Protein backbone atom coordinates (compact mmCIF):
# COMPACT_ATOMS: atom_id res chain seq x y z
CA MET A 1 95.61 77.83 117.17
CA THR A 2 93.72 81.04 115.39
CA PHE A 3 92.85 81.86 111.75
CA GLY A 4 94.10 85.57 110.13
CA ARG A 5 91.44 84.58 107.14
CA LEU A 6 88.83 82.33 108.61
CA PHE A 7 87.18 82.79 105.49
CA ALA A 8 89.51 81.17 103.28
CA LEU A 9 88.45 77.91 104.98
CA ALA A 10 85.22 77.98 102.69
CA GLY A 11 87.43 76.25 100.13
CA ILE A 12 87.73 73.45 101.97
CA VAL A 13 84.17 72.05 100.44
CA ILE A 14 85.90 71.70 97.38
CA VAL A 15 88.14 68.29 98.74
CA PRO A 16 85.05 66.43 99.33
CA VAL A 17 83.47 67.60 95.89
CA LEU A 18 87.06 66.17 94.03
CA VAL A 19 86.56 62.89 96.34
CA VAL A 20 82.92 62.40 94.71
CA LEU A 21 84.35 63.02 91.00
CA LEU A 22 87.62 61.11 91.22
CA ARG A 23 85.71 58.13 92.18
CA ALA A 24 83.05 58.71 89.79
CA LYS A 25 85.96 58.63 87.00
CA ARG A 26 87.75 55.59 88.60
CA ARG A 27 84.06 53.62 87.63
CA ARG A 28 84.11 54.85 84.09
CA GLU A 29 87.68 53.81 83.48
CA ALA A 30 88.17 51.09 80.96
CA SER A 31 88.49 47.40 82.81
CA LEU A 32 90.22 44.05 80.97
CA ALA A 33 86.87 42.36 79.82
CA PHE A 34 87.26 39.28 82.28
CA SER A 35 84.27 37.38 83.20
CA SER A 36 85.52 36.88 86.82
CA LEU A 37 88.43 37.78 88.68
CA HIS A 38 88.96 34.70 90.54
CA HIS A 39 91.99 33.18 88.35
CA PHE A 40 93.72 36.63 89.57
CA SER A 41 93.05 36.51 93.27
CA GLY A 42 96.40 34.50 94.37
CA PHE A 43 98.68 37.28 92.26
CA PRO A 44 100.85 39.40 94.59
CA GLU A 45 100.00 43.41 94.19
CA SER A 46 102.80 45.12 92.97
CA TRP A 47 104.36 48.08 94.64
CA ARG A 48 103.14 50.01 91.80
CA THR A 49 99.77 49.33 91.96
CA ARG A 50 99.66 50.12 95.87
CA VAL A 51 101.35 53.55 95.41
CA LEU A 52 98.89 54.54 92.05
CA ARG A 53 96.03 53.95 94.72
CA MET A 54 98.04 56.42 96.81
CA LEU A 55 97.97 59.52 93.41
CA PRO A 56 94.43 60.76 94.41
CA ILE A 57 94.88 60.99 98.54
CA LEU A 58 98.14 62.56 97.71
CA ARG A 59 96.61 65.24 95.45
CA LEU A 60 93.89 65.88 98.12
CA ALA A 61 96.00 66.13 100.83
CA ALA A 62 98.02 68.69 99.02
CA LEU A 63 95.01 70.65 98.11
CA ALA A 64 93.50 70.80 101.61
CA ILE A 65 96.80 71.71 103.49
CA LEU A 66 97.29 74.64 100.65
CA VAL A 67 93.53 76.00 101.45
CA ILE A 68 94.36 75.88 105.39
CA ALA A 69 97.61 77.54 104.67
CA LEU A 70 95.71 80.25 102.88
CA ALA A 71 93.55 81.08 105.71
CA ARG A 72 96.77 82.04 107.63
CA PRO A 73 96.45 79.68 110.72
CA VAL A 74 98.80 80.84 113.78
CA ILE A 75 99.12 79.10 117.07
CA PRO A 76 100.31 80.84 120.30
CA VAL A 77 103.95 80.08 121.79
CA PHE A 78 104.32 80.90 125.46
CA ASP A 79 107.33 82.76 126.72
CA SER A 80 108.28 82.40 130.49
CA ARG A 81 107.67 85.38 133.27
CA ILE A 82 108.96 89.05 132.24
CA ARG A 83 109.20 92.00 134.05
CA GLY A 84 108.70 95.40 132.27
CA GLU A 85 107.27 98.60 131.82
CA GLY A 86 104.43 99.49 129.20
CA VAL A 87 100.73 100.04 128.66
CA ASP A 88 98.05 98.25 126.86
CA ILE A 89 97.87 100.04 123.72
CA VAL A 90 95.23 99.21 121.00
CA LEU A 91 95.82 101.30 117.43
CA ALA A 92 92.56 102.11 115.82
CA MET A 93 93.12 102.64 112.18
CA ASP A 94 90.37 103.99 109.80
CA VAL A 95 90.34 102.07 106.31
CA SER A 96 87.61 103.80 104.89
CA THR A 97 87.89 104.75 101.17
CA SER A 98 88.79 108.12 101.97
CA MET A 99 92.48 107.09 103.26
CA LEU A 100 93.19 106.49 99.63
CA ALA A 101 93.84 109.87 99.32
CA ALA A 102 97.39 110.72 98.37
CA ASP A 103 98.24 113.94 100.66
CA LEU A 104 100.80 112.60 102.71
CA SER A 105 104.27 111.25 102.23
CA LEU A 106 106.83 108.95 102.84
CA GLY A 107 110.17 110.56 102.39
CA ASP A 108 110.29 112.56 99.10
CA GLU A 109 107.37 110.21 97.60
CA PRO A 110 103.63 110.99 98.00
CA VAL A 111 101.31 108.03 98.68
CA SER A 112 98.13 107.69 100.57
CA ARG A 113 96.98 108.41 103.68
CA PHE A 114 97.08 104.70 105.14
CA ALA A 115 100.05 103.80 103.33
CA ALA A 116 101.70 106.80 105.19
CA ALA A 117 100.07 105.31 108.59
CA ARG A 118 100.71 101.69 108.21
CA GLU A 119 104.64 102.74 107.70
CA VAL A 120 104.88 105.29 110.90
CA VAL A 121 102.39 102.69 113.16
CA LYS A 122 104.94 100.39 112.52
CA LYS A 123 108.05 102.27 113.42
CA PHE A 124 105.76 103.27 116.59
CA ILE A 125 105.48 99.26 117.70
CA ASP A 126 108.98 99.08 117.07
CA ALA A 127 109.98 101.70 119.60
CA ARG A 128 107.53 100.23 122.42
CA PRO A 129 108.84 96.63 123.00
CA SER A 130 107.76 96.37 126.54
CA ASP A 131 103.91 97.16 125.50
CA ARG A 132 101.08 94.80 124.71
CA ILE A 133 99.74 96.16 121.42
CA GLY A 134 96.90 95.74 119.29
CA VAL A 135 95.16 96.64 116.12
CA VAL A 136 91.34 97.47 115.29
CA THR A 137 90.86 98.79 111.78
CA PHE A 138 87.32 100.24 111.04
CA ALA A 139 85.28 101.80 108.19
CA GLY A 140 81.37 100.83 108.12
CA ARG A 141 82.23 98.57 110.89
CA PRO A 142 85.14 97.93 113.07
CA TYR A 143 87.10 94.63 112.91
CA THR A 144 89.82 93.21 115.38
CA LEU A 145 93.32 92.83 113.06
CA ALA A 146 95.42 91.82 116.12
CA PRO A 147 94.38 91.12 120.07
CA ILE A 148 96.60 92.94 122.00
CA THR A 149 99.91 90.88 122.67
CA TRP A 150 103.65 91.29 123.07
CA ASP A 151 104.10 89.17 119.63
CA HIS A 152 104.93 92.45 118.02
CA GLU A 153 106.03 90.80 114.41
CA TRP A 154 102.99 88.97 114.35
CA VAL A 155 100.87 92.42 114.83
CA LYS A 156 103.21 93.82 111.90
CA THR A 157 102.52 90.81 109.71
CA ARG A 158 98.85 91.30 109.87
CA LEU A 159 99.09 95.28 109.49
CA GLU A 160 100.57 94.63 105.93
CA ASP A 161 97.56 91.90 105.63
CA ALA A 162 95.01 95.23 106.10
CA GLU A 163 93.89 97.43 103.17
CA VAL A 164 91.28 99.68 102.33
CA GLY A 165 87.98 98.48 101.54
CA MET A 166 88.81 95.51 104.00
CA VAL A 167 85.26 96.13 105.37
CA GLU A 168 81.81 97.76 104.28
CA ASP A 169 82.65 102.14 103.75
CA GLY A 170 81.96 104.43 106.00
CA THR A 171 83.45 105.95 109.02
CA ALA A 172 82.24 104.64 112.23
CA ILE A 173 84.31 106.32 114.86
CA GLY A 174 81.94 105.33 118.01
CA SER A 175 81.93 101.40 116.82
CA ALA A 176 85.81 101.66 116.55
CA ILE A 177 86.21 103.16 120.16
CA VAL A 178 83.89 100.17 121.54
CA THR A 179 85.49 97.62 119.92
CA ALA A 180 88.90 98.85 121.24
CA ALA A 181 87.98 99.40 124.80
CA ASN A 182 86.45 95.72 124.46
CA ARG A 183 89.99 94.79 123.89
CA LEU A 184 91.50 96.54 126.91
CA LYS A 185 88.13 96.19 129.17
CA ASP A 186 89.81 93.03 131.10
CA SER A 187 93.48 94.41 131.33
CA GLU A 188 95.13 94.24 134.42
CA ALA A 189 97.48 97.06 133.05
CA LYS A 190 97.15 100.26 135.15
CA SER A 191 97.60 102.14 131.69
CA LYS A 192 95.50 101.56 128.84
CA VAL A 193 95.56 103.77 125.81
CA ILE A 194 93.88 103.93 122.15
CA VAL A 195 95.50 105.93 119.69
CA LEU A 196 92.58 106.46 116.81
CA LEU A 197 93.26 107.90 113.37
CA THR A 198 90.89 108.81 111.04
CA ASP A 199 90.58 111.42 108.16
CA GLY A 200 86.61 112.27 108.34
CA ARG A 201 83.37 112.49 110.28
CA ASN A 202 81.07 109.56 111.88
CA ASN A 203 78.43 108.45 109.76
CA ALA A 204 77.91 104.52 110.61
CA GLY A 205 77.62 102.27 113.40
CA GLU A 206 75.11 101.87 116.26
CA VAL A 207 77.30 104.05 119.08
CA THR A 208 77.58 107.64 118.71
CA PRO A 209 81.17 108.62 119.35
CA ASP A 210 80.70 110.85 122.51
CA THR A 211 78.56 107.56 124.06
CA ALA A 212 81.73 105.58 123.30
CA ALA A 213 84.15 107.97 124.52
CA ALA A 214 82.53 108.29 127.65
CA ALA A 215 82.32 104.52 128.33
CA ALA A 216 86.01 104.19 127.77
CA ALA A 217 86.60 107.11 130.38
CA ALA A 218 84.47 105.00 132.60
CA LEU A 219 87.01 102.27 132.20
CA GLY A 220 89.83 104.03 132.53
CA ILE A 221 90.89 104.55 129.06
CA LYS A 222 92.67 107.38 127.50
CA ILE A 223 92.03 108.13 124.09
CA TYR A 224 94.99 109.79 121.60
CA THR A 225 92.96 110.90 118.33
CA VAL A 226 94.91 111.93 115.49
CA GLY A 227 93.50 113.56 112.20
CA ALA A 228 95.15 112.63 109.05
CA GLY A 229 94.93 114.77 106.16
CA THR A 230 95.72 118.20 104.42
CA THR A 231 93.50 121.08 104.73
CA GLY A 232 91.40 122.39 101.71
CA THR A 233 91.38 119.41 99.00
CA ALA A 234 93.38 116.28 98.31
CA PRO A 235 94.28 114.24 95.36
CA TYR A 236 92.08 111.18 95.24
CA PRO A 237 92.77 108.27 92.96
CA VAL A 238 89.67 107.43 90.26
CA THR A 239 89.33 105.33 87.10
CA ASP A 240 88.60 107.32 84.17
CA VAL A 241 86.88 105.99 81.28
CA PHE A 242 90.32 104.43 79.61
CA GLY A 243 90.81 102.58 82.69
CA ARG A 244 93.74 104.72 83.67
CA THR A 245 94.50 105.80 87.46
CA ILE A 246 93.84 109.60 87.59
CA TYR A 247 93.65 111.89 90.66
CA GLN A 248 91.16 114.56 91.18
CA GLN A 249 91.08 116.96 94.23
CA VAL A 250 88.48 116.07 96.70
CA PRO A 251 87.26 117.95 100.07
CA VAL A 252 89.23 117.21 103.40
CA ASP A 253 86.27 116.79 105.98
CA ILE A 254 88.02 115.96 109.21
CA ASP A 255 85.51 116.28 112.11
CA GLU A 256 88.07 118.12 114.34
CA GLU A 257 85.93 119.06 116.89
CA LEU A 258 84.58 115.51 117.68
CA LEU A 259 87.99 114.37 117.90
CA GLN A 260 89.12 116.87 120.31
CA ARG A 261 86.09 115.99 122.46
CA ILE A 262 86.88 112.14 122.42
CA ALA A 263 90.33 113.65 123.79
CA ASP A 264 89.12 115.72 126.43
CA GLU A 265 86.76 113.10 127.48
CA THR A 266 89.37 110.51 128.49
CA GLY A 267 92.01 112.57 129.37
CA GLY A 268 93.97 112.30 126.00
CA GLU A 269 95.11 114.85 123.42
CA TYR A 270 94.25 115.44 119.74
CA PHE A 271 96.61 115.91 117.03
CA ARG A 272 96.31 116.78 113.50
CA ALA A 273 98.58 115.30 110.85
CA THR A 274 99.06 117.09 107.64
CA ASP A 275 101.91 115.96 106.54
CA GLY A 276 104.18 112.67 106.52
CA GLN A 277 106.79 114.29 108.96
CA ARG A 278 103.81 115.55 111.12
CA LEU A 279 102.31 112.32 111.26
CA LYS A 280 105.93 110.36 112.56
CA GLU A 281 106.21 113.34 115.23
CA ILE A 282 102.51 112.87 116.64
CA TYR A 283 103.50 108.77 117.07
CA SER A 284 106.67 110.16 118.49
CA GLN A 285 104.91 112.19 120.91
CA ILE A 286 102.26 109.63 122.26
CA ASP A 287 105.42 107.30 122.65
CA GLN A 288 106.84 109.45 125.20
CA MET A 289 103.79 108.54 127.37
CA GLU A 290 104.45 107.68 131.01
CA LYS A 291 105.37 104.13 131.34
CA THR A 292 103.99 101.91 134.34
CA LYS A 293 105.97 99.15 136.09
CA MET A 294 103.72 95.63 135.07
CA GLU A 295 104.43 92.09 135.75
CA PHE A 296 103.34 88.90 133.93
CA ASP A 297 103.75 85.11 134.55
CA ALA A 298 103.46 84.48 130.58
CA PHE A 299 103.05 85.76 127.40
CA ALA A 300 101.70 84.12 124.02
CA ARG A 301 104.14 85.22 120.38
CA HIS A 302 102.23 83.65 117.18
CA ARG A 303 103.71 81.50 115.05
CA ASP A 304 102.49 81.96 111.05
CA LEU A 305 102.21 78.71 110.05
CA TYR A 306 101.50 79.65 106.45
CA PRO A 307 105.20 79.31 105.19
CA LEU A 308 105.24 75.74 106.48
CA LEU A 309 101.95 74.61 104.99
CA ILE A 310 102.67 75.99 102.11
CA ALA A 311 106.01 74.46 101.24
CA ALA A 312 104.16 71.05 102.75
CA GLY A 313 101.25 71.31 100.38
CA LEU A 314 103.56 72.40 97.24
CA VAL A 315 105.99 69.21 97.99
CA ILE A 316 103.48 66.61 98.25
CA LEU A 317 101.83 68.17 94.97
CA MET A 318 105.22 68.21 93.24
CA VAL A 319 105.80 64.22 94.77
CA GLU A 320 102.09 63.41 93.17
CA VAL A 321 103.01 64.92 89.74
CA ILE A 322 106.13 63.33 89.56
CA LEU A 323 104.99 60.02 90.25
CA SER A 324 101.92 60.34 87.70
CA ASN A 325 103.79 61.70 85.21
CA LEU A 326 107.30 60.12 85.04
CA ILE A 327 107.72 57.26 87.44
CA LEU A 328 104.08 55.55 87.48
CA ARG A 329 103.22 56.96 83.84
CA ARG A 330 100.32 54.84 82.29
CA LEU A 331 100.35 54.14 78.78
CA PRO A 332 97.38 55.04 76.96
């Protein structure tokens, strides 16, 4: 089992805290003033008393299940041997704040570079059912959003969770290439590809893009680079003194020379997407890459347990509320 939002598990510490508080509350509750309970020792314990003692446990169990659900647990489901044609691909996507610039479009609607890229990438994934695909997002540092897998629905779900600002700001192109290459270095596929999309210049990370590209080339990894954004200036969202979102024109600064060098070093190709339609065309061109025959004994799909755990937690919580406030309600 793996977790999409591992940090959410920190909320589990609330459960033991509540246990302590509930015990303290029970000690403070009023009791009958009898000097001895000896006279009651033979009385049978009613079902109401036994159930009442279980109510705090139900409440804590529901809370623990909901916290685990928020961590987005997934389990691998292994399928039988398949034969297919494809490549192993890692999609490296820039999530720095400059990707909020709204100079691309989906249809007639202008959207941010990131929103446009995410929709195009999801369609690219749908078009390659025989490939293993993973996603690395990056800004000031890289983050593996999804390791390479055949479970494309899970990859697209993880893409929906991605957002600009999910890691500290910056543009660590070299580090992103290294992380993507690490996901591919043990691959047995004859063809390994990174599709790197960015809208800026390398200004973060401990590895230079040229060094990272040379390392990827040594591993037999081809890198296709995509520069996203118009030329000149682009509308960027800012908040004014009244709390409203307005758009200001900011310069577009894409290091095209670097992206071209990375592609040349690894045998890939550099593309420039100045509008949403061109971005779609670029990923369609990359989709035409030569496919190589591959055979695998098994592959894992990932089943997201979030809906099941949320439903279970809410049902348990509803049962506890109904028992506490209706069926087993205690008079003051």
